[in-house]
Amino acid sequence: MNNIHSYKFFENKAISKLNRFKLDVKQINELKKKFNYKNILIIGAAGSIGSIFTMTLLKLFEFQKLYLLDKDENQLTELNRELLLINKRKIKKIEFICNDLNLIKLDQFMKINNINHYLNFAALKHVRSEENITSAKYLLQTNSWSFIPKNLNKLKNLESVFSISTDKAVNPSSLLGLSKR
């Protein structure tokens, strides 16, 4: 097979959107045990990975309360519209929070709202000037583990913490990549 055919085969079979996130019945049942009737906080909910996860969560699970935090008001509004199309009944269980992750007291929020699952999909992907100290500091804050609650042991209802950051993290060649790693 030449390179073009190999790539197309790989693209179609391995990383296509149709096959990429498909779960079998056993996996779905396992996740139902985890997410059903729980309070879930999703950071970066309106981003590329966060929005797909949120829509899947809405389709498959019966959460108690879902908190969706994102700093992009337009994307959060678009996500709200998409979720309404999926299930109008569940939308009453969702709280949309438009706020910068650097401005929220995460520990307090999680304690007050009895968060069971904390899922962090937030990442600052586009930085105009990595040389600027303010931009670099903000970049490191947003893309780092600083958004894992510091007092996990005091959050009695917390069952899981999940954080993902994509691209540029494997072999970083810039401050952006380093912050994601």
Protein backbone atom coordinates (compact mmCIF):
# COMPACT_ATOMS: atom_id res chain seq x y z
CA MET A 1 0.00 0.00 0.00
CA ASN A 2 1.34 3.42 -0.78
CA ASN A 3 1.30 6.22 1.79
CA ILE A 4 -1.91 7.85 0.56
CA HIS A 5 -3.84 4.58 0.65
CA SER A 6 -2.39 3.71 4.06
CA TYR A 7 -3.40 7.09 5.42
CA LYS A 8 -6.94 6.85 4.02
CA PHE A 9 -7.33 3.35 5.45
CA PHE A 10 -6.10 4.55 8.85
CA GLU A 11 -8.31 7.65 8.69
CA ASN A 12 -11.42 5.65 7.80
CA LYS A 13 -10.92 2.68 10.14
CA ALA A 14 -8.99 3.94 13.13
CA ILE A 15 -9.83 7.57 13.71
CA SER A 16 -13.09 8.24 11.92
CA LYS A 17 -15.74 10.06 13.90
CA LEU A 18 -18.09 7.12 13.44
CA ASN A 19 -15.84 4.57 15.14
CA ARG A 20 -13.86 6.81 17.43
CA PHE A 21 -16.14 7.02 20.46
CA LYS A 22 -18.29 3.94 20.04
CA LEU A 23 -18.94 2.09 23.29
CA ASP A 24 -20.19 -1.44 23.66
CA VAL A 25 -23.09 -2.38 25.97
CA LYS A 26 -20.76 -3.52 28.77
CA GLN A 27 -18.89 -0.19 28.73
CA ILE A 28 -22.14 1.80 28.72
CA ASN A 29 -23.49 -0.16 31.69
CA GLU A 30 -20.25 0.39 33.58
CA LEU A 31 -20.43 4.12 32.93
CA LYS A 32 -24.11 4.22 33.95
CA LYS A 33 -23.10 2.90 37.36
CA LYS A 34 -20.59 5.71 37.58
CA PHE A 35 -22.61 8.69 36.29
CA ASN A 36 -26.30 7.95 36.91
CA TYR A 37 -27.87 10.11 39.64
CA LYS A 38 -24.63 11.99 40.31
CA ASN A 39 -23.59 15.64 40.31
CA ILE A 40 -21.09 16.23 37.53
CA LEU A 41 -18.90 19.27 36.84
CA ILE A 42 -17.44 19.63 33.36
CA ILE A 43 -14.81 22.31 32.84
CA GLY A 44 -14.23 23.32 29.21
CA ALA A 45 -17.66 21.91 28.42
CA ALA A 46 -18.14 23.85 25.18
CA GLY A 47 -14.78 22.94 23.64
CA SER A 48 -14.18 20.25 21.06
CA ILE A 49 -13.80 17.25 23.40
CA GLY A 50 -15.91 18.65 26.24
CA SER A 51 -18.96 19.27 24.04
CA ILE A 52 -18.86 15.77 22.51
CA PHE A 53 -18.56 14.24 25.97
CA THR A 54 -21.40 16.43 27.28
CA MET A 55 -23.74 15.48 24.43
CA THR A 56 -22.96 11.78 24.94
CA LEU A 57 -23.56 12.15 28.68
CA LEU A 58 -26.94 13.74 28.00
CA LYS A 59 -27.97 10.95 25.62
CA LEU A 60 -26.89 7.99 27.71
CA PHE A 61 -27.09 8.84 31.40
CA GLU A 62 -29.51 10.06 34.07
CA PHE A 63 -27.35 12.46 36.06
CA GLN A 64 -28.74 14.32 39.06
CA LYS A 65 -27.23 17.70 38.16
CA LEU A 66 -24.79 18.70 35.44
CA TYR A 67 -22.66 21.84 35.75
CA LEU A 68 -21.12 23.03 32.48
CA LEU A 69 -18.40 25.65 32.80
CA ASP A 70 -16.74 27.37 29.87
CA LYS A 71 -15.40 30.87 29.34
CA ASP A 72 -16.63 31.11 25.75
CA GLU A 73 -20.17 32.47 25.95
CA ASN A 74 -20.91 31.89 22.26
CA GLN A 75 -19.80 28.25 22.35
CA LEU A 76 -21.68 27.67 25.60
CA THR A 77 -24.85 29.11 24.02
CA GLU A 78 -24.38 26.87 20.99
CA LEU A 79 -23.92 23.87 23.26
CA ASN A 80 -27.15 24.81 25.07
CA ARG A 81 -28.99 24.81 21.73
CA GLU A 82 -27.58 21.43 20.75
CA LEU A 83 -28.48 19.91 24.12
CA LEU A 84 -32.03 21.22 23.83
CA LEU A 85 -32.38 19.32 20.57
CA ILE A 86 -31.15 16.11 22.21
CA ASN A 87 -33.35 16.18 25.31
CA LYS A 88 -35.48 19.11 26.53
CA ARG A 89 -36.45 17.30 29.73
CA LYS A 90 -32.89 16.94 31.01
CA ILE A 91 -31.99 20.58 30.27
CA LYS A 92 -33.64 21.52 33.58
CA LYS A 93 -30.92 19.53 35.36
CA ILE A 94 -28.13 21.51 33.68
CA GLU A 95 -26.53 24.70 34.93
CA PHE A 96 -24.52 26.65 32.35
CA ILE A 97 -21.72 28.71 33.87
CA CYS A 98 -19.89 31.23 31.74
CA ASN A 99 -16.74 32.06 33.63
CA ASP A 100 -12.97 31.98 33.31
CA LEU A 101 -11.53 28.98 35.10
CA ASN A 102 -8.87 31.21 36.64
CA LEU A 103 -11.58 33.23 38.43
CA ILE A 104 -13.55 30.48 40.14
CA LYS A 105 -12.86 28.99 43.57
CA LEU A 106 -13.09 25.40 42.46
CA ASP A 107 -12.84 23.76 45.89
CA GLN A 108 -15.70 25.85 47.27
CA PHE A 109 -17.87 25.32 44.21
CA MET A 110 -17.39 21.56 44.34
CA LYS A 111 -18.13 21.38 48.05
CA ILE A 112 -21.27 23.55 47.88
CA ASN A 113 -22.68 21.60 44.92
CA ASN A 114 -21.72 18.13 46.18
CA ILE A 115 -19.80 17.30 43.00
CA ASN A 116 -19.28 13.56 42.51
CA HIS A 117 -17.33 13.71 39.25
CA TYR A 118 -14.96 16.46 38.15
CA LEU A 119 -14.06 16.34 34.44
CA ASN A 120 -11.58 18.89 33.12
CA PHE A 121 -11.48 19.36 29.34
CA ALA A 122 -10.29 22.98 29.54
CA ALA A 123 -7.21 24.04 27.63
CA LEU A 124 -5.85 27.29 26.35
CA LYS A 125 -4.93 26.38 22.80
CA HIS A 126 -4.34 29.65 21.01
CA VAL A 127 -1.75 32.00 22.40
CA ARG A 128 -0.79 35.00 20.35
CA SER A 129 2.38 35.85 22.24
CA GLU A 130 4.13 33.19 24.29
CA GLU A 131 6.93 35.67 25.01
CA ASN A 132 4.61 37.88 27.03
CA ILE A 133 5.00 36.99 30.75
CA THR A 134 1.29 37.59 31.47
CA SER A 135 0.24 35.32 28.60
CA ALA A 136 2.70 32.65 29.68
CA LYS A 137 1.48 32.74 33.28
CA TYR A 138 -2.16 32.49 32.16
CA LEU A 139 -1.26 29.68 29.77
CA LEU A 140 0.40 27.66 32.54
CA GLN A 141 -2.50 28.26 34.93
CA THR A 142 -5.14 27.17 32.43
CA ASN A 143 -3.35 24.12 31.04
CA SER A 144 -1.81 22.77 34.22
CA TRP A 145 -2.87 20.58 37.12
CA SER A 146 -3.61 23.73 39.11
CA PHE A 147 -7.28 23.06 38.48
CA ILE A 148 -7.31 19.82 40.35
CA PRO A 149 -8.80 20.73 43.73
CA LYS A 150 -6.10 21.07 46.37
CA ASN A 151 -8.15 19.57 49.19
CA LEU A 152 -9.51 16.44 47.53
CA ASN A 153 -9.69 14.60 50.84
CA LYS A 154 -12.13 17.23 52.18
CA LEU A 155 -14.54 16.72 49.26
CA LYS A 156 -16.43 13.77 50.73
CA ASN A 157 -18.75 13.23 47.75
CA LEU A 158 -16.02 13.34 45.11
CA GLU A 159 -15.67 9.94 43.42
CA SER A 160 -13.48 10.75 40.42
CA VAL A 161 -11.26 13.39 38.90
CA PHE A 162 -10.47 13.33 35.20
CA SER A 163 -8.33 15.82 33.33
CA ILE A 164 -7.28 15.72 29.71
CA SER A 165 -5.32 18.07 27.54
CA THR A 166 -4.80 17.42 23.88
CA ASP A 167 -2.25 18.08 21.16
CA LYS A 168 1.31 19.26 21.51
CA ALA A 169 1.82 17.43 24.81
CA VAL A 170 3.81 14.39 23.67
CA ASN A 171 6.93 16.14 22.38
CA PRO A 172 6.51 19.77 23.33
CA SER A 173 8.50 22.31 21.37
CA SER A 174 6.89 25.43 22.82
CA LEU A 175 5.64 26.83 26.11
CA LEU A 176 2.11 25.90 25.01
CA GLY A 177 3.10 22.26 24.54
CA LEU A 178 5.07 22.21 27.78
CA SER A 179 2.13 23.61 29.75
CA LYS A 180 -0.16 20.91 28.36
CA ARG A 181 2.29 18.14 29.13
